[in-house]
Amino acid sequence: MSPFRGLLATVLISLISCALAHAGDDARALTGSGKAWATVRKAVRQGDTVRIELRFETDYAGYSGEIVYEKLPDDAIDGAIYLSSGGERFLLRRENGKVAAPGELRLKFNYAPEKNPRVGDWKAAFAAPPADAADIMLVLPNVAPIGPIAIKAQ
């Protein structure tokens, strides 16, 4: 192989690697600040309920934290936090009259994300979409849509 072809092959491989790395970054569900993101830790179906756990992380040194949402009234929460699939919404469950999700989501400051990138966790229970539902997305205030989510049966 000529030196030119070798150089060309190296450049092309580098460009493809960069594109794939950035594609992974773009797939992150960024928060409103753009400095933290959500990843699904667990999504499990138990009968007619889906339980979802998220982890929020950052790689931004000096991240000062942020309020994702706080004190949403019960009459507004169903329009702010839900699962969606095929144009249909699957709302938060109520347990003992209370919404099965935290009343607020505040992400912690993190001055050393290289040691531990986690800045928050979140859990909630939703009405389960049909077992054959595709492209299930989670909607939270001040976070890009999260998904598609693969839900495992328990």
C-alpha atoms as a PDB file:
ATOM      1  CA  MET A   1       0.000   0.000   0.000  1.00  0.00           C
ATOM      2  CA  SER A   2       1.318   3.450  -0.850  1.00  0.00           C
ATOM      3  CA  PRO A   3       2.009   5.978   1.934  1.00  0.00           C
ATOM      4  CA  PHE A   4      -0.804   8.154   0.577  1.00  0.00           C
ATOM      5  CA  ARG A   5      -3.350   5.318   0.840  1.00  0.00           C
ATOM      6  CA  GLY A   6      -2.167   4.514   4.359  1.00  0.00           C
ATOM      7  CA  LEU A   7      -2.591   8.145   5.386  1.00  0.00           C
ATOM      8  CA  LEU A   8      -5.995   8.311   3.720  1.00  0.00           C
ATOM      9  CA  ALA A   9      -7.134   5.137   5.502  1.00  0.00           C
ATOM     10  CA  THR A  10      -5.951   6.526   8.859  1.00  0.00           C
ATOM     11  CA  VAL A  11      -7.796   9.811   8.299  1.00  0.00           C
ATOM     12  CA  LEU A  12     -11.011   8.024   7.301  1.00  0.00           C
ATOM     13  CA  ILE A  13     -10.882   5.713  10.329  1.00  0.00           C
ATOM     14  CA  SER A  14     -10.311   8.731  12.602  1.00  0.00           C
ATOM     15  CA  LEU A  15     -13.256  10.601  11.091  1.00  0.00           C
ATOM     16  CA  ILE A  16     -15.559   7.609  11.467  1.00  0.00           C
ATOM     17  CA  SER A  17     -14.439   7.077  15.076  1.00  0.00           C
ATOM     18  CA  CYS A  18     -15.099  10.745  15.888  1.00  0.00           C
ATOM     19  CA  ALA A  19     -18.516  10.618  14.255  1.00  0.00           C
ATOM     20  CA  LEU A  20     -19.471   7.527  16.256  1.00  0.00           C
ATOM     21  CA  ALA A  21     -18.236   9.075  19.496  1.00  0.00           C
ATOM     22  CA  HIS A  22     -20.276  12.222  18.882  1.00  0.00           C
ATOM     23  CA  ALA A  23     -23.322  10.179  17.866  1.00  0.00           C
ATOM     24  CA  GLY A  24     -23.181   8.540  21.305  1.00  0.00           C
ATOM     25  CA  ASP A  25     -22.981  11.960  22.965  1.00  0.00           C
ATOM     26  CA  ASP A  26     -25.940  13.235  20.944  1.00  0.00           C
ATOM     27  CA  ALA A  27     -27.990  10.223  22.113  1.00  0.00           C
ATOM     28  CA  ARG A  28     -27.708  11.369  25.743  1.00  0.00           C
ATOM     29  CA  ALA A  29     -30.836  12.882  27.226  1.00  0.00           C
ATOM     30  CA  LEU A  30     -29.384  16.239  28.276  1.00  0.00           C
ATOM     31  CA  THR A  31     -30.819  18.339  31.071  1.00  0.00           C
ATOM     32  CA  GLY A  32     -31.742  21.991  30.601  1.00  0.00           C
ATOM     33  CA  SER A  33     -28.219  23.168  31.455  1.00  0.00           C
ATOM     34  CA  GLY A  34     -26.705  20.878  28.838  1.00  0.00           C
ATOM     35  CA  LYS A  35     -24.087  19.861  31.416  1.00  0.00           C
ATOM     36  CA  ALA A  36     -25.705  16.681  32.777  1.00  0.00           C
ATOM     37  CA  TRP A  37     -27.602  13.805  31.205  1.00  0.00           C
ATOM     38  CA  ALA A  38     -29.955  10.980  32.129  1.00  0.00           C
ATOM     39  CA  THR A  39     -29.436   7.293  31.480  1.00  0.00           C
ATOM     40  CA  VAL A  40     -31.925   4.507  32.149  1.00  0.00           C
ATOM     41  CA  ARG A  41     -30.618   2.177  34.861  1.00  0.00           C
ATOM     42  CA  LYS A  42     -33.663  -0.070  35.021  1.00  0.00           C
ATOM     43  CA  ALA A  43     -37.040  -0.421  33.296  1.00  0.00           C
ATOM     44  CA  VAL A  44     -39.089  -3.359  34.552  1.00  0.00           C
ATOM     45  CA  ARG A  45     -42.693  -4.399  33.922  1.00  0.00           C
ATOM     46  CA  GLN A  46     -44.539  -5.858  36.915  1.00  0.00           C
ATOM     47  CA  GLY A  47     -48.075  -6.690  35.835  1.00  0.00           C
ATOM     48  CA  ASP A  48     -49.748  -3.457  34.734  1.00  0.00           C
ATOM     49  CA  THR A  49     -46.965  -1.240  36.128  1.00  0.00           C
ATOM     50  CA  VAL A  50     -43.576  -0.199  34.734  1.00  0.00           C
ATOM     51  CA  ARG A  51     -40.917   0.922  37.196  1.00  0.00           C
ATOM     52  CA  ILE A  52     -38.153   3.101  35.788  1.00  0.00           C
ATOM     53  CA  GLU A  53     -34.901   4.147  37.444  1.00  0.00           C
ATOM     54  CA  LEU A  54     -32.650   6.860  36.028  1.00  0.00           C
ATOM     55  CA  ARG A  55     -29.163   8.008  36.841  1.00  0.00           C
ATOM     56  CA  PHE A  56     -28.006  11.545  36.111  1.00  0.00           C
ATOM     57  CA  GLU A  57     -24.320  12.101  35.383  1.00  0.00           C
ATOM     58  CA  THR A  58     -21.978  14.867  34.291  1.00  0.00           C
ATOM     59  CA  ASP A  59     -18.494  15.163  32.875  1.00  0.00           C
ATOM     60  CA  TYR A  60     -18.416  18.928  33.397  1.00  0.00           C
ATOM     61  CA  ALA A  61     -15.770  19.848  35.993  1.00  0.00           C
ATOM     62  CA  GLY A  62     -17.296  22.328  38.412  1.00  0.00           C
ATOM     63  CA  TYR A  63     -20.911  21.350  37.690  1.00  0.00           C
ATOM     64  CA  SER A  64     -22.964  23.406  40.153  1.00  0.00           C
ATOM     65  CA  GLY A  65     -26.085  21.234  40.084  1.00  0.00           C
ATOM     66  CA  GLU A  66     -29.528  22.240  38.881  1.00  0.00           C
ATOM     67  CA  ILE A  67     -33.214  21.989  39.622  1.00  0.00           C
ATOM     68  CA  VAL A  68     -34.836  19.774  36.996  1.00  0.00           C
ATOM     69  CA  TYR A  69     -38.309  20.202  38.500  1.00  0.00           C
ATOM     70  CA  GLU A  70     -39.843  20.987  41.865  1.00  0.00           C
ATOM     71  CA  LYS A  71     -43.260  20.887  43.510  1.00  0.00           C
ATOM     72  CA  LEU A  72     -45.378  20.054  40.489  1.00  0.00           C
ATOM     73  CA  PRO A  73     -49.062  20.182  41.451  1.00  0.00           C
ATOM     74  CA  ASP A  74     -50.909  16.859  41.081  1.00  0.00           C
ATOM     75  CA  ASP A  75     -53.128  18.324  38.356  1.00  0.00           C
ATOM     76  CA  ALA A  76     -50.055  19.317  36.289  1.00  0.00           C
ATOM     77  CA  ILE A  77     -47.778  16.345  36.866  1.00  0.00           C
ATOM     78  CA  ASP A  78     -49.469  14.077  34.303  1.00  0.00           C
ATOM     79  CA  GLY A  79     -48.730  16.607  31.572  1.00  0.00           C
ATOM     80  CA  ALA A  80     -45.107  16.941  32.683  1.00  0.00           C
ATOM     81  CA  ILE A  81     -43.958  13.374  33.477  1.00  0.00           C
ATOM     82  CA  TYR A  82     -45.139  10.391  31.441  1.00  0.00           C
ATOM     83  CA  LEU A  83     -44.173   7.537  29.132  1.00  0.00           C
ATOM     84  CA  SER A  84     -45.187   7.774  25.491  1.00  0.00           C
ATOM     85  CA  SER A  85     -45.454   5.245  22.696  1.00  0.00           C
ATOM     86  CA  GLY A  86     -47.255   5.515  19.392  1.00  0.00           C
ATOM     87  CA  GLY A  87     -48.823   8.859  20.303  1.00  0.00           C
ATOM     88  CA  GLU A  88     -50.322   7.463  23.521  1.00  0.00           C
ATOM     89  CA  ARG A  89     -49.353   8.593  27.033  1.00  0.00           C
ATOM     90  CA  PHE A  90     -48.903   6.279  30.003  1.00  0.00           C
ATOM     91  CA  LEU A  91     -49.233   8.237  33.226  1.00  0.00           C
ATOM     92  CA  LEU A  92     -47.638   7.997  36.631  1.00  0.00           C
ATOM     93  CA  ARG A  93     -49.201   5.545  39.052  1.00  0.00           C
ATOM     94  CA  ARG A  94     -50.793   6.732  42.266  1.00  0.00           C
ATOM     95  CA  GLU A  95     -49.949   4.800  45.432  1.00  0.00           C
ATOM     96  CA  ASN A  96     -52.046   5.605  48.506  1.00  0.00           C
ATOM     97  CA  GLY A  97     -53.285   8.740  46.745  1.00  0.00           C
ATOM     98  CA  LYS A  98     -49.761  10.011  46.039  1.00  0.00           C
ATOM     99  CA  VAL A  99     -47.950  10.130  42.718  1.00  0.00           C
ATOM    100  CA  ALA A 100     -45.356   7.321  42.445  1.00  0.00           C
ATOM    101  CA  ALA A 101     -42.506   9.726  41.622  1.00  0.00           C
ATOM    102  CA  PRO A 102     -40.382  12.181  43.590  1.00  0.00           C
ATOM    103  CA  GLY A 103     -41.987  15.576  44.218  1.00  0.00           C
ATOM    104  CA  GLU A 104     -38.829  17.286  42.998  1.00  0.00           C
ATOM    105  CA  LEU A 105     -35.607  16.490  41.193  1.00  0.00           C
ATOM    106  CA  ARG A 106     -32.491  18.426  42.172  1.00  0.00           C
ATOM    107  CA  LEU A 107     -29.128  17.414  40.791  1.00  0.00           C
ATOM    108  CA  LYS A 108     -26.114  17.779  43.102  1.00  0.00           C
ATOM    109  CA  PHE A 109     -22.971  19.786  42.479  1.00  0.00           C
ATOM    110  CA  ASN A 110     -19.941  17.819  41.325  1.00  0.00           C
ATOM    111  CA  TYR A 111     -16.466  19.292  41.247  1.00  0.00           C
ATOM    112  CA  ALA A 112     -14.686  16.039  40.346  1.00  0.00           C
ATOM    113  CA  PRO A 113     -16.754  14.101  37.788  1.00  0.00           C
ATOM    114  CA  GLU A 114     -13.682  12.111  36.758  1.00  0.00           C
ATOM    115  CA  LYS A 115     -13.894  10.364  40.177  1.00  0.00           C
ATOM    116  CA  ASN A 116     -17.669   9.863  40.221  1.00  0.00           C
ATOM    117  CA  PRO A 117     -19.867  11.394  37.515  1.00  0.00           C
ATOM    118  CA  ARG A 118     -23.210  10.754  39.299  1.00  0.00           C
ATOM    119  CA  VAL A 119     -25.185  13.858  40.274  1.00  0.00           C
ATOM    120  CA  GLY A 120     -28.599  12.312  40.914  1.00  0.00           C
ATOM    121  CA  ASP A 121     -30.987   9.379  40.762  1.00  0.00           C
ATOM    122  CA  TRP A 122     -34.714   9.231  40.029  1.00  0.00           C
ATOM    123  CA  LYS A 123     -37.412   6.500  40.193  1.00  0.00           C
ATOM    124  CA  ALA A 124     -41.065   6.349  39.260  1.00  0.00           C
ATOM    125  CA  ALA A 125     -43.887   3.919  38.489  1.00  0.00           C
ATOM    126  CA  PHE A 126     -46.110   4.266  35.412  1.00  0.00           C
ATOM    127  CA  ALA A 127     -49.098   2.556  33.866  1.00  0.00           C
ATOM    128  CA  ALA A 128     -47.559  -0.094  31.602  1.00  0.00           C
ATOM    129  CA  PRO A 129     -47.692   0.305  27.836  1.00  0.00           C
ATOM    130  CA  PRO A 130     -48.752  -2.809  25.895  1.00  0.00           C
ATOM    131  CA  ALA A 131     -46.063  -5.507  25.865  1.00  0.00           C
ATOM    132  CA  ASP A 132     -45.593  -5.049  22.100  1.00  0.00           C
ATOM    133  CA  ALA A 133     -45.277  -1.237  22.291  1.00  0.00           C
ATOM    134  CA  ALA A 134     -42.280   0.165  20.430  1.00  0.00           C
ATOM    135  CA  ASP A 135     -40.227   3.337  20.802  1.00  0.00           C
ATOM    136  CA  ILE A 136     -41.190   3.967  24.419  1.00  0.00           C
ATOM    137  CA  MET A 137     -39.958   7.382  25.538  1.00  0.00           C
ATOM    138  CA  LEU A 138     -39.876   9.003  28.981  1.00  0.00           C
ATOM    139  CA  VAL A 139     -40.761  12.689  29.223  1.00  0.00           C
ATOM    140  CA  LEU A 140     -39.517  14.757  32.182  1.00  0.00           C
ATOM    141  CA  PRO A 141     -39.510  18.542  32.599  1.00  0.00           C
ATOM    142  CA  ASN A 142     -36.240  20.219  31.555  1.00  0.00           C
ATOM    143  CA  VAL A 143     -34.748  17.000  30.139  1.00  0.00           C
ATOM    144  CA  ALA A 144     -34.601  15.927  26.497  1.00  0.00           C
ATOM    145  CA  PRO A 145     -36.902  12.944  25.812  1.00  0.00           C
ATOM    146  CA  ILE A 146     -35.306   9.781  27.184  1.00  0.00           C
ATOM    147  CA  GLY A 147     -35.360   6.638  25.078  1.00  0.00           C
ATOM    148  CA  PRO A 148     -36.291   4.566  23.334  1.00  0.00           C
ATOM    149  CA  ILE A 149     -36.515   2.467  26.499  1.00  0.00           C
ATOM    150  CA  ALA A 150     -36.403  -1.329  26.468  1.00  0.00           C
ATOM    151  CA  ILE A 151     -38.705  -2.627  29.203  1.00  0.00           C
ATOM    152  CA  LYS A 152     -37.918  -6.013  30.717  1.00  0.00           C
ATOM    153  CA  ALA A 153     -40.582  -8.311  32.155  1.00  0.00           C
ATOM    154  CA  GLN A 154     -40.088  -9.478  35.705  1.00  0.00           C
END
